[in-house]
Amino acid sequence: MDTLIQQIINGLVLGSVYALVALGYTMVYGILQLINFAHGEVLMIGAMIALTILQIMALYFPGIPLVIQLLIATLVAIPACMLLSAAIERIAYRPLRNSPRLAPLITAIGLSIVLQTLAMMIWSPNPRVFPDLLSTTPFEIAGALLAPKQLLILVVAGLAMLGLLLLVHRTRLGRAMRAVSENPKIASLMGVNPDQIITATFILGAALAAIAGVLVAMNYNIVHFTMGFLLGLKAFTAAVLGGIGNLAGAVAGGLLLGIIESLGAGYVGDLTGGFLGSHYQDIFAFAVLILVLVFRPSGLLGERIADRA
């Protein structure tokens, strides 16, 4: 039972990150019907910038408390990723808005490779250590252990997701985003500027990606120029699982995928007699993607979008 609880906790921590990134995918898709495969690289850039800020502060301002250093690094990474994402939308995606769907998809994959290459050139191809900034003494919950950084991930991710849901459903910007998602032409007749709303959507997704990048780096204590690629694919899987274009679905899909992956990693060795180990955990995410696409392409909550339409 202790092992089960531990794996569920690990899955919630992992799933919280997937949900944050999946929200970026699902917001862009909900408005543009576009899969932004460069979104994972925005996460990676955020983690790299945060690490750079931490190294600068450790060198020139060593007296600043570690938690404050982490907060400052995150607050620098967020606007940097927002600017990057706004530039990506303006330069790469906007000129292709009326093109066949294959063109922006190929562009997104190309952008992903370009951002990875630029990060490799700027920060080197070698993995870099992200410092431990919080206590390593874990809390005990029903026989399972929860590290302070894992608790921070759950709290920060939960607040970020709640804040986004409130913004979309309770603010003027959120109403404009939903209007553009329904029909950009009619929304423009009502005084909404679709271009501005689309840019705002990319910016909001980038802010969540930057937060997720810092949380992932803090959790695993390592950053690498390819760290966003696989994480981005899994977050995309989470968005599809929940029903891409549905914010609540992205959150549910991310949490569920994290738990499935964690439980799979914890028990796959026993179930296969040792043939497969925990390092095969990635297969569960993509197995889920295949099953969802075959048996329920709309995702778990995808029908709600059709009902509202």
Protein backbone atom coordinates (compact mmCIF):
# COMPACT_ATOMS: atom_id res chain seq x y z
CA MET A 1 0.00 0.00 0.00
CA ASP A 2 2.88 2.38 0.80
CA THR A 3 4.29 1.79 -2.67
CA LEU A 4 0.92 2.53 -4.27
CA ILE A 5 0.54 5.80 -2.38
CA GLN A 6 4.10 6.78 -3.23
CA GLN A 7 3.53 6.14 -6.93
CA ILE A 8 0.28 8.11 -6.88
CA ILE A 9 2.06 11.07 -5.27
CA ASN A 10 4.85 10.85 -7.84
CA GLY A 11 2.24 10.64 -10.58
CA LEU A 12 0.43 13.75 -9.34
CA VAL A 13 3.70 15.67 -9.29
CA LEU A 14 4.57 14.53 -12.80
CA GLY A 15 1.02 15.02 -14.03
CA SER A 16 0.92 18.59 -12.70
CA VAL A 17 3.79 19.49 -15.00
CA TYR A 18 2.17 17.71 -17.94
CA ALA A 19 -1.05 19.61 -17.27
CA LEU A 20 0.73 22.98 -17.23
CA VAL A 21 2.33 22.33 -20.60
CA ALA A 22 -0.80 20.70 -22.03
CA LEU A 23 -2.75 23.89 -21.29
CA GLY A 24 -0.46 25.75 -23.68
CA TYR A 25 -1.10 23.21 -26.41
CA THR A 26 -4.84 23.16 -25.91
CA MET A 27 -5.27 26.95 -25.80
CA VAL A 28 -3.47 27.44 -29.11
CA TYR A 29 -5.32 24.54 -30.71
CA GLY A 30 -8.66 25.80 -29.42
CA ILE A 31 -8.20 29.11 -31.25
CA LEU A 32 -6.03 28.28 -34.29
CA GLN A 33 -6.53 24.53 -34.73
CA LEU A 34 -2.72 24.43 -34.65
CA ILE A 35 -0.42 22.05 -32.76
CA ASN A 36 2.51 24.18 -31.61
CA PHE A 37 5.22 21.52 -31.42
CA ALA A 38 7.76 24.20 -30.49
CA HIS A 39 6.00 24.66 -27.14
CA GLY A 40 8.25 22.15 -25.39
CA GLU A 41 11.31 24.11 -26.49
CA VAL A 42 9.85 27.26 -24.92
CA LEU A 43 9.80 25.28 -21.66
CA MET A 44 13.44 24.33 -22.18
CA ILE A 45 14.46 27.94 -22.84
CA GLY A 46 12.71 28.98 -19.63
CA ALA A 47 14.67 26.41 -17.62
CA MET A 48 17.95 27.46 -19.24
CA ILE A 49 17.33 31.16 -18.54
CA ALA A 50 16.38 30.41 -14.94
CA LEU A 51 19.62 28.44 -14.48
CA THR A 52 21.64 31.30 -15.96
CA ILE A 53 20.04 33.80 -13.57
CA LEU A 54 20.73 31.50 -10.62
CA GLN A 55 24.38 31.20 -11.62
CA ILE A 56 24.69 34.99 -11.91
CA MET A 57 23.13 35.53 -8.49
CA ALA A 58 25.30 32.82 -6.91
CA LEU A 59 28.36 34.59 -8.30
CA TYR A 60 27.52 38.22 -7.58
CA PHE A 61 24.77 38.09 -4.92
CA PRO A 62 25.48 34.99 -2.80
CA GLY A 63 23.74 36.46 0.26
CA ILE A 64 20.25 36.33 -1.25
CA PRO A 65 18.15 33.52 0.28
CA LEU A 66 17.87 30.51 -2.01
CA VAL A 67 14.08 30.63 -2.20
CA ILE A 68 14.23 34.29 -3.27
CA GLN A 69 16.81 33.36 -5.90
CA LEU A 70 14.44 30.74 -7.29
CA LEU A 71 11.58 33.26 -7.35
CA ILE A 72 13.70 35.88 -9.15
CA ALA A 73 14.94 33.33 -11.70
CA THR A 74 11.36 32.27 -12.42
CA LEU A 75 10.17 35.88 -12.74
CA VAL A 76 12.92 36.52 -15.29
CA ALA A 77 12.24 33.31 -17.23
CA ILE A 78 8.51 34.01 -17.58
CA PRO A 79 8.70 37.31 -19.54
CA ALA A 80 11.61 35.99 -21.60
CA CYS A 81 9.52 33.00 -22.71
CA MET A 82 6.52 35.24 -23.30
CA LEU A 83 8.55 37.45 -25.64
CA LEU A 84 9.95 34.40 -27.42
CA SER A 85 6.51 32.90 -27.92
CA ALA A 86 5.07 36.20 -29.17
CA ALA A 87 7.92 36.43 -31.69
CA ILE A 88 7.31 32.83 -32.80
CA GLU A 89 3.63 33.55 -33.40
CA ARG A 90 4.31 36.79 -35.24
CA ILE A 91 7.19 35.59 -37.43
CA ALA A 92 6.49 31.91 -38.03
CA TYR A 93 2.78 31.23 -37.60
CA ARG A 94 0.87 34.39 -38.54
CA PRO A 95 2.03 34.42 -42.20
CA LEU A 96 0.82 30.81 -42.51
CA ARG A 97 -2.56 31.32 -40.86
CA ASN A 98 -4.53 30.80 -44.08
CA SER A 99 -2.20 28.13 -45.47
CA PRO A 100 -2.99 24.40 -45.61
CA ARG A 101 -2.68 22.81 -42.16
CA LEU A 102 0.43 20.88 -43.13
CA ALA A 103 2.46 24.11 -43.57
CA PRO A 104 2.23 25.38 -39.95
CA LEU A 105 2.73 21.83 -38.66
CA ILE A 106 6.01 21.48 -40.56
CA THR A 107 6.98 24.99 -39.45
CA ALA A 108 6.36 24.06 -35.82
CA ILE A 109 8.62 21.01 -36.11
CA GLY A 110 11.28 23.14 -37.80
CA LEU A 111 11.05 25.75 -35.04
CA SER A 112 11.52 23.03 -32.46
CA ILE A 113 14.77 21.95 -34.11
CA VAL A 114 15.96 25.55 -34.52
CA LEU A 115 15.35 26.36 -30.84
CA GLN A 116 17.11 23.20 -29.73
CA THR A 117 20.11 24.05 -31.89
CA LEU A 118 20.26 27.63 -30.64
CA ALA A 119 20.08 26.42 -27.03
CA MET A 120 22.87 23.93 -27.72
CA MET A 121 25.02 26.73 -29.15
CA ILE A 122 24.32 29.14 -26.29
CA TRP A 123 24.35 26.78 -23.29
CA SER A 124 26.47 23.90 -24.71
CA PRO A 125 25.26 20.39 -25.57
CA ASN A 126 26.20 18.94 -22.18
CA PRO A 127 23.59 18.51 -19.43
CA ARG A 128 23.88 21.18 -16.73
CA VAL A 129 23.15 20.81 -13.05
CA PHE A 130 20.25 22.80 -11.62
CA PRO A 131 21.02 23.51 -7.95
CA ASP A 132 18.93 22.27 -5.03
CA LEU A 133 17.37 25.39 -3.56
CA LEU A 134 14.99 23.80 -1.08
CA SER A 135 15.37 21.48 1.87
CA THR A 136 15.81 17.82 0.95
CA THR A 137 14.12 16.54 4.12
CA PRO A 138 10.90 14.84 2.97
CA PHE A 139 7.47 14.85 4.60
CA GLU A 140 5.80 11.54 5.40
CA ILE A 141 2.22 11.03 4.19
CA ALA A 142 0.56 7.68 4.96
CA GLY A 143 3.90 5.93 4.75
CA ALA A 144 4.94 7.68 1.53
CA LEU A 145 7.52 10.45 1.19
CA LEU A 146 6.92 13.87 -0.32
CA ALA A 147 9.95 16.11 -0.89
CA PRO A 148 9.55 19.87 -0.31
CA LYS A 149 10.24 20.54 -3.99
CA GLN A 150 7.48 18.10 -4.95
CA LEU A 151 5.07 19.90 -2.66
CA LEU A 152 6.11 23.19 -4.23
CA ILE A 153 5.45 21.76 -7.70
CA LEU A 154 1.95 20.68 -6.69
CA VAL A 155 1.13 24.05 -5.11
CA VAL A 156 2.59 26.24 -7.87
CA ALA A 157 1.14 24.14 -10.68
CA GLY A 158 -2.26 24.08 -8.99
CA LEU A 159 -2.31 27.85 -8.49
CA ALA A 160 -1.15 28.48 -12.07
CA MET A 161 -3.84 26.22 -13.52
CA LEU A 162 -6.53 27.72 -11.29
CA GLY A 163 -5.41 31.23 -12.26
CA LEU A 164 -5.64 30.39 -15.96
CA LEU A 165 -9.10 28.86 -15.62
CA LEU A 166 -10.33 31.94 -13.75
CA LEU A 167 -8.78 34.22 -16.37
CA VAL A 168 -10.44 32.39 -19.24
CA HIS A 169 -13.87 32.14 -17.64
CA ARG A 170 -14.05 35.30 -15.51
CA THR A 171 -12.23 38.09 -17.35
CA ARG A 172 -12.76 40.21 -20.43
CA LEU A 173 -9.66 38.73 -22.06
CA GLY A 174 -11.00 35.25 -21.42
CA ARG A 175 -14.33 36.11 -23.04
CA ALA A 176 -12.46 37.49 -26.04
CA MET A 177 -10.40 34.30 -26.28
CA ARG A 178 -13.53 32.17 -26.22
CA ALA A 179 -15.17 34.40 -28.82
CA VAL A 180 -12.20 34.13 -31.19
CA SER A 181 -12.17 30.37 -30.62
CA GLU A 182 -15.83 30.15 -31.67
CA ASN A 183 -15.64 32.42 -34.74
CA PRO A 184 -12.82 34.95 -35.37
CA LYS A 185 -14.74 36.86 -38.03
CA ILE A 186 -17.81 37.43 -35.88
CA ALA A 187 -15.60 38.27 -32.89
CA SER A 188 -13.87 40.96 -34.96
CA LEU A 189 -17.28 42.47 -35.79
CA MET A 190 -17.89 42.77 -32.05
CA GLY A 191 -14.73 44.81 -31.55
CA VAL A 192 -12.31 41.99 -30.73
CA ASN A 193 -8.92 42.02 -32.46
CA PRO A 194 -8.20 38.35 -33.30
CA ASP A 195 -4.50 38.97 -33.90
CA GLN A 196 -4.06 40.45 -30.43
CA ILE A 197 -6.03 37.64 -28.80
CA ILE A 198 -4.03 34.97 -30.61
CA THR A 199 -0.78 36.61 -29.51
CA ALA A 200 -2.11 36.81 -25.95
CA THR A 201 -2.92 33.10 -26.09
CA PHE A 202 0.64 32.25 -27.12
CA ILE A 203 1.97 34.51 -24.36
CA LEU A 204 -0.17 32.90 -21.66
CA GLY A 205 0.88 29.42 -22.80
CA ALA A 206 4.53 30.50 -22.73
CA ALA A 207 4.19 31.79 -19.16
CA LEU A 208 2.88 28.39 -18.05
CA ALA A 209 5.67 26.66 -20.01
CA ALA A 210 8.32 28.81 -18.29
CA ILE A 211 6.91 27.91 -14.87
CA ALA A 212 6.82 24.23 -15.86
CA GLY A 213 10.42 24.42 -17.12
CA VAL A 214 11.67 25.76 -13.79
CA LEU A 215 9.66 23.15 -11.87
CA VAL A 216 11.01 20.29 -14.00
CA ALA A 217 14.59 21.52 -13.66
CA MET A 218 14.15 21.88 -9.91
CA ASN A 219 12.62 18.40 -9.62
CA TYR A 220 15.29 16.55 -11.62
CA ASN A 221 18.22 18.94 -10.89
CA ILE A 222 19.30 18.92 -14.51
CA VAL A 223 18.67 20.92 -17.68
CA HIS A 224 19.50 19.95 -21.26
CA PHE A 225 18.79 21.40 -24.68
CA THR A 226 16.55 18.43 -25.56
CA MET A 227 14.64 18.35 -22.26
CA GLY A 228 11.52 19.95 -23.76
CA PHE A 229 11.08 17.58 -26.70
CA LEU A 230 9.89 14.41 -24.95
CA LEU A 231 8.11 16.38 -22.25
CA GLY A 232 6.30 18.34 -24.94
CA LEU A 233 5.18 15.14 -26.67
CA LYS A 234 3.85 13.75 -23.40
CA ALA A 235 2.02 17.00 -22.66
CA PHE A 236 0.50 16.82 -26.15
CA THR A 237 -0.60 13.27 -25.30
CA ALA A 238 -2.18 14.61 -22.11
CA ALA A 239 -4.04 17.27 -24.11
CA VAL A 240 -5.34 14.64 -26.54
CA LEU A 241 -6.30 12.35 -23.66
CA GLY A 242 -8.35 15.05 -21.97
CA GLY A 243 -9.82 16.42 -25.21
CA ILE A 244 -7.61 18.92 -27.01
CA GLY A 245 -9.14 22.37 -27.01
CA ASN A 246 -10.71 21.80 -23.58
CA LEU A 247 -8.89 23.46 -20.65
CA ALA A 248 -10.40 21.22 -17.98
CA GLY A 249 -9.60 18.25 -20.20
CA ALA A 250 -5.94 19.28 -20.42
CA VAL A 251 -5.70 19.39 -16.62
CA ALA A 252 -7.49 16.06 -16.20
CA GLY A 253 -5.46 14.46 -18.98
CA GLY A 254 -2.16 15.67 -17.54
CA LEU A 255 -2.90 14.39 -14.04
CA LEU A 256 -4.24 11.07 -15.32
CA LEU A 257 -1.28 10.55 -17.65
CA GLY A 258 1.16 11.29 -14.83
CA ILE A 259 -0.50 8.72 -12.56
CA ILE A 260 -0.64 6.11 -15.35
CA GLU A 261 3.03 6.62 -16.14
CA SER A 262 4.08 6.54 -12.49
CA LEU A 263 2.08 3.41 -11.69
CA GLY A 264 3.37 1.77 -14.85
CA ALA A 265 6.97 2.55 -13.93
CA GLY A 266 6.42 1.25 -10.41
CA TYR A 267 4.80 -2.05 -11.34
CA VAL A 268 5.96 -2.89 -14.88
CA GLY A 269 8.89 -4.89 -13.51
CA ASP A 270 6.62 -7.12 -11.41
CA LEU A 271 4.06 -7.50 -14.18
CA THR A 272 6.66 -8.56 -16.77
CA GLY A 273 8.78 -10.70 -14.46
CA GLY A 274 11.67 -8.26 -14.67
CA PHE A 275 11.69 -8.16 -18.47
CA LEU A 276 10.86 -4.44 -18.47
CA GLY A 277 12.14 -1.94 -15.91
CA SER A 278 11.06 1.49 -14.70
CA HIS A 279 13.18 3.12 -17.43
CA TYR A 280 10.54 1.95 -19.90
CA GLN A 281 7.97 4.31 -18.40
CA ASP A 282 7.81 6.42 -21.58
CA ILE A 283 6.00 3.64 -23.43
CA PHE A 284 2.90 4.13 -21.29
CA ALA A 285 2.35 7.71 -22.43
CA PHE A 286 2.46 6.80 -26.10
CA ALA A 287 0.46 3.63 -25.58
CA VAL A 288 -2.23 5.84 -24.05
CA LEU A 289 -2.01 8.19 -27.05
CA ILE A 290 -2.56 5.29 -29.48
CA LEU A 291 -5.48 3.91 -27.49
CA VAL A 292 -7.16 7.30 -27.22
CA LEU A 293 -6.78 8.01 -30.93
CA VAL A 294 -8.18 4.59 -31.82
CA PHE A 295 -11.09 4.34 -29.38
CA ARG A 296 -11.93 7.94 -28.38
CA PRO A 297 -10.32 10.53 -30.68
CA SER A 298 -12.27 13.36 -29.04
CA GLY A 299 -10.64 12.66 -25.67
CA LEU A 300 -12.23 12.20 -22.26
CA LEU A 301 -13.96 15.59 -22.19
CA GLY A 302 -13.97 16.33 -25.91
CA GLU A 303 -17.71 15.79 -26.28
CA ARG A 304 -18.41 18.79 -24.05
CA ILE A 305 -16.92 21.07 -26.69
CA ALA A 306 -19.27 19.59 -29.30
CA ASP A 307 -22.19 20.04 -26.91
CA ARG A 308 -21.44 23.74 -26.45
CA ALA A 309 -21.08 24.24 -30.20
